[in-house]
């Protein structure tokens, strides 16, 4: 496959898209898979304002032996999410207040 043309596009944060489309501040499921830009996209969402109950995000190069070395895992854990599973290249996180049964 060859590149046919380059197109410049303006990027937007998840926050701006959520505001524009009136996404509720609490919702069930957020899945992010944007081919290597997953953490960058996640950082564009204020997780103190929007509180998905669960998040699935692509995390390549992940290791259970050293969770603290994974920026995506650290980002979500610092914002109240707990890693509950990892399959293939995807991390599955649950909001900590739900994971603990509070």
C-alpha atoms as a PDB file:
ATOM      1  CA  UNK A   1       0.000   0.000   0.000  1.00  0.00           C
ATOM      2  CA  UNK A   2       1.300   3.466  -0.812  1.00  0.00           C
ATOM      3  CA  UNK A   3       0.370   6.897   0.481  1.00  0.00           C
ATOM      4  CA  UNK A   4      -1.925   8.679  -1.948  1.00  0.00           C
ATOM      5  CA  UNK A   5      -1.974  12.079  -0.264  1.00  0.00           C
ATOM      6  CA  UNK A   6      -1.358  13.868   3.016  1.00  0.00           C
ATOM      7  CA  UNK A   7      -4.268  15.567   4.721  1.00  0.00           C
ATOM      8  CA  UNK A   8      -3.797  17.976   7.603  1.00  0.00           C
ATOM      9  CA  UNK A   9      -6.421  17.654  10.280  1.00  0.00           C
ATOM     10  CA  UNK A  10      -7.017  19.509  13.493  1.00  0.00           C
ATOM     11  CA  UNK A  11      -6.972  17.212  16.499  1.00  0.00           C
ATOM     12  CA  UNK A  12      -9.408  17.485  19.389  1.00  0.00           C
ATOM     13  CA  UNK A  13      -9.424  16.193  22.920  1.00  0.00           C
ATOM     14  CA  UNK A  14     -11.916  13.691  24.219  1.00  0.00           C
ATOM     15  CA  UNK A  15     -13.084  16.387  26.633  1.00  0.00           C
ATOM     16  CA  UNK A  16     -14.025  18.723  23.780  1.00  0.00           C
ATOM     17  CA  UNK A  17     -15.821  15.936  21.923  1.00  0.00           C
ATOM     18  CA  UNK A  18     -17.692  14.867  25.056  1.00  0.00           C
ATOM     19  CA  UNK A  19     -18.834  18.443  25.720  1.00  0.00           C
ATOM     20  CA  UNK A  20     -19.946  18.932  22.112  1.00  0.00           C
ATOM     21  CA  UNK A  21     -21.928  15.686  22.076  1.00  0.00           C
ATOM     22  CA  UNK A  22     -23.361  16.023  25.602  1.00  0.00           C
ATOM     23  CA  UNK A  23     -21.804  12.834  26.962  1.00  0.00           C
ATOM     24  CA  UNK A  24     -22.982  12.217  30.541  1.00  0.00           C
ATOM     25  CA  UNK A  25     -20.326  12.734  33.199  1.00  0.00           C
ATOM     26  CA  UNK A  26     -20.725   9.167  34.385  1.00  0.00           C
ATOM     27  CA  UNK A  27     -21.097   6.345  31.878  1.00  0.00           C
ATOM     28  CA  UNK A  28     -20.379   2.629  31.695  1.00  0.00           C
ATOM     29  CA  UNK A  29     -17.618   1.939  29.198  1.00  0.00           C
ATOM     30  CA  UNK A  30     -14.759   3.743  27.440  1.00  0.00           C
ATOM     31  CA  UNK A  31     -12.601   1.921  24.896  1.00  0.00           C
ATOM     32  CA  UNK A  32      -9.512   3.573  23.422  1.00  0.00           C
ATOM     33  CA  UNK A  33      -7.546   2.027  20.547  1.00  0.00           C
ATOM     34  CA  UNK A  34      -5.818   4.599  18.377  1.00  0.00           C
ATOM     35  CA  UNK A  35      -2.750   2.772  17.117  1.00  0.00           C
ATOM     36  CA  UNK A  36       0.007   3.973  19.405  1.00  0.00           C
ATOM     37  CA  UNK A  37      -1.529   7.263  20.537  1.00  0.00           C
ATOM     38  CA  UNK A  38      -3.713   5.748  23.251  1.00  0.00           C
ATOM     39  CA  UNK A  39      -2.131   7.467  26.265  1.00  0.00           C
ATOM     40  CA  UNK A  40      -2.079  10.818  24.452  1.00  0.00           C
ATOM     41  CA  UNK A  41      -5.807  10.475  23.738  1.00  0.00           C
ATOM     42  CA  UNK A  42      -6.510   9.377  27.312  1.00  0.00           C
ATOM     43  CA  UNK A  43      -4.660  12.426  28.643  1.00  0.00           C
ATOM     44  CA  UNK A  44      -7.162  14.558  26.709  1.00  0.00           C
ATOM     45  CA  UNK A  45      -9.937  13.411  29.035  1.00  0.00           C
ATOM     46  CA  UNK A  46     -10.408  14.927  32.482  1.00  0.00           C
ATOM     47  CA  UNK A  47     -11.123  11.855  34.583  1.00  0.00           C
ATOM     48  CA  UNK A  48     -12.217  14.005  37.507  1.00  0.00           C
ATOM     49  CA  UNK A  49     -15.029  15.401  35.353  1.00  0.00           C
ATOM     50  CA  UNK A  50     -15.901  12.335  33.263  1.00  0.00           C
ATOM     51  CA  UNK A  51     -16.010   9.072  35.243  1.00  0.00           C
ATOM     52  CA  UNK A  52     -16.454   5.987  33.079  1.00  0.00           C
ATOM     53  CA  UNK A  53     -17.073   2.899  35.188  1.00  0.00           C
ATOM     54  CA  UNK A  54     -14.657   0.847  33.089  1.00  0.00           C
ATOM     55  CA  UNK A  55     -11.880   1.615  30.624  1.00  0.00           C
ATOM     56  CA  UNK A  56     -10.247  -0.657  28.056  1.00  0.00           C
ATOM     57  CA  UNK A  57      -7.120   0.727  26.466  1.00  0.00           C
ATOM     58  CA  UNK A  58      -4.363  -0.647  24.270  1.00  0.00           C
ATOM     59  CA  UNK A  59      -1.117  -0.976  26.254  1.00  0.00           C
ATOM     60  CA  UNK A  60       1.712  -2.426  24.198  1.00  0.00           C
ATOM     61  CA  UNK A  61       4.848  -3.520  26.021  1.00  0.00           C
ATOM     62  CA  UNK A  62       2.985  -4.064  29.277  1.00  0.00           C
ATOM     63  CA  UNK A  63       4.450  -6.231  32.044  1.00  0.00           C
ATOM     64  CA  UNK A  64       2.710  -7.405  35.226  1.00  0.00           C
ATOM     65  CA  UNK A  65       6.116  -7.624  36.864  1.00  0.00           C
ATOM     66  CA  UNK A  66       6.572  -3.844  36.761  1.00  0.00           C
ATOM     67  CA  UNK A  67       3.227  -2.016  36.718  1.00  0.00           C
ATOM     68  CA  UNK A  68       4.863   1.255  37.759  1.00  0.00           C
ATOM     69  CA  UNK A  69       6.854   1.418  34.517  1.00  0.00           C
ATOM     70  CA  UNK A  70       3.719   1.592  32.366  1.00  0.00           C
ATOM     71  CA  UNK A  71       2.616   5.219  31.882  1.00  0.00           C
ATOM     72  CA  UNK A  72      -0.956   4.279  30.971  1.00  0.00           C
ATOM     73  CA  UNK A  73      -1.352   2.112  34.051  1.00  0.00           C
ATOM     74  CA  UNK A  74       0.100   4.843  36.294  1.00  0.00           C
ATOM     75  CA  UNK A  75      -2.104   7.530  34.702  1.00  0.00           C
ATOM     76  CA  UNK A  76      -5.289   5.559  35.330  1.00  0.00           C
ATOM     77  CA  UNK A  77      -4.320   4.357  38.801  1.00  0.00           C
ATOM     78  CA  UNK A  78      -3.540   7.942  39.870  1.00  0.00           C
ATOM     79  CA  UNK A  79      -7.077   8.854  38.781  1.00  0.00           C
ATOM     80  CA  UNK A  80      -8.858   6.143  40.709  1.00  0.00           C
ATOM     81  CA  UNK A  81      -8.825   3.138  38.377  1.00  0.00           C
ATOM     82  CA  UNK A  82      -7.574  -0.359  39.075  1.00  0.00           C
ATOM     83  CA  UNK A  83      -6.153  -2.759  36.515  1.00  0.00           C
ATOM     84  CA  UNK A  84      -8.343  -5.866  36.698  1.00  0.00           C
ATOM     85  CA  UNK A  85      -7.248  -7.758  33.570  1.00  0.00           C
ATOM     86  CA  UNK A  86      -4.887  -7.722  30.625  1.00  0.00           C
ATOM     87  CA  UNK A  87      -5.526  -9.635  27.431  1.00  0.00           C
ATOM     88  CA  UNK A  88      -3.620  -9.525  24.161  1.00  0.00           C
ATOM     89  CA  UNK A  89      -2.572  -5.842  24.128  1.00  0.00           C
ATOM     90  CA  UNK A  90      -5.496  -4.419  26.111  1.00  0.00           C
ATOM     91  CA  UNK A  91      -5.626  -3.314  29.730  1.00  0.00           C
ATOM     92  CA  UNK A  92      -9.010  -3.543  31.453  1.00  0.00           C
ATOM     93  CA  UNK A  93      -9.546  -1.034  34.252  1.00  0.00           C
ATOM     94  CA  UNK A  94     -12.407  -0.648  36.684  1.00  0.00           C
ATOM     95  CA  UNK A  95     -13.101   2.459  38.697  1.00  0.00           C
ATOM     96  CA  UNK A  96     -11.669   1.752  42.148  1.00  0.00           C
ATOM     97  CA  UNK A  97     -14.896   2.571  44.017  1.00  0.00           C
ATOM     98  CA  UNK A  98     -16.613  -0.171  41.992  1.00  0.00           C
ATOM     99  CA  UNK A  99     -13.749  -2.652  42.190  1.00  0.00           C
ATOM    100  CA  UNK A 100     -13.693  -2.465  45.991  1.00  0.00           C
ATOM    101  CA  UNK A 101     -17.479  -2.832  46.274  1.00  0.00           C
ATOM    102  CA  UNK A 102     -17.981   0.554  47.954  1.00  0.00           C
END
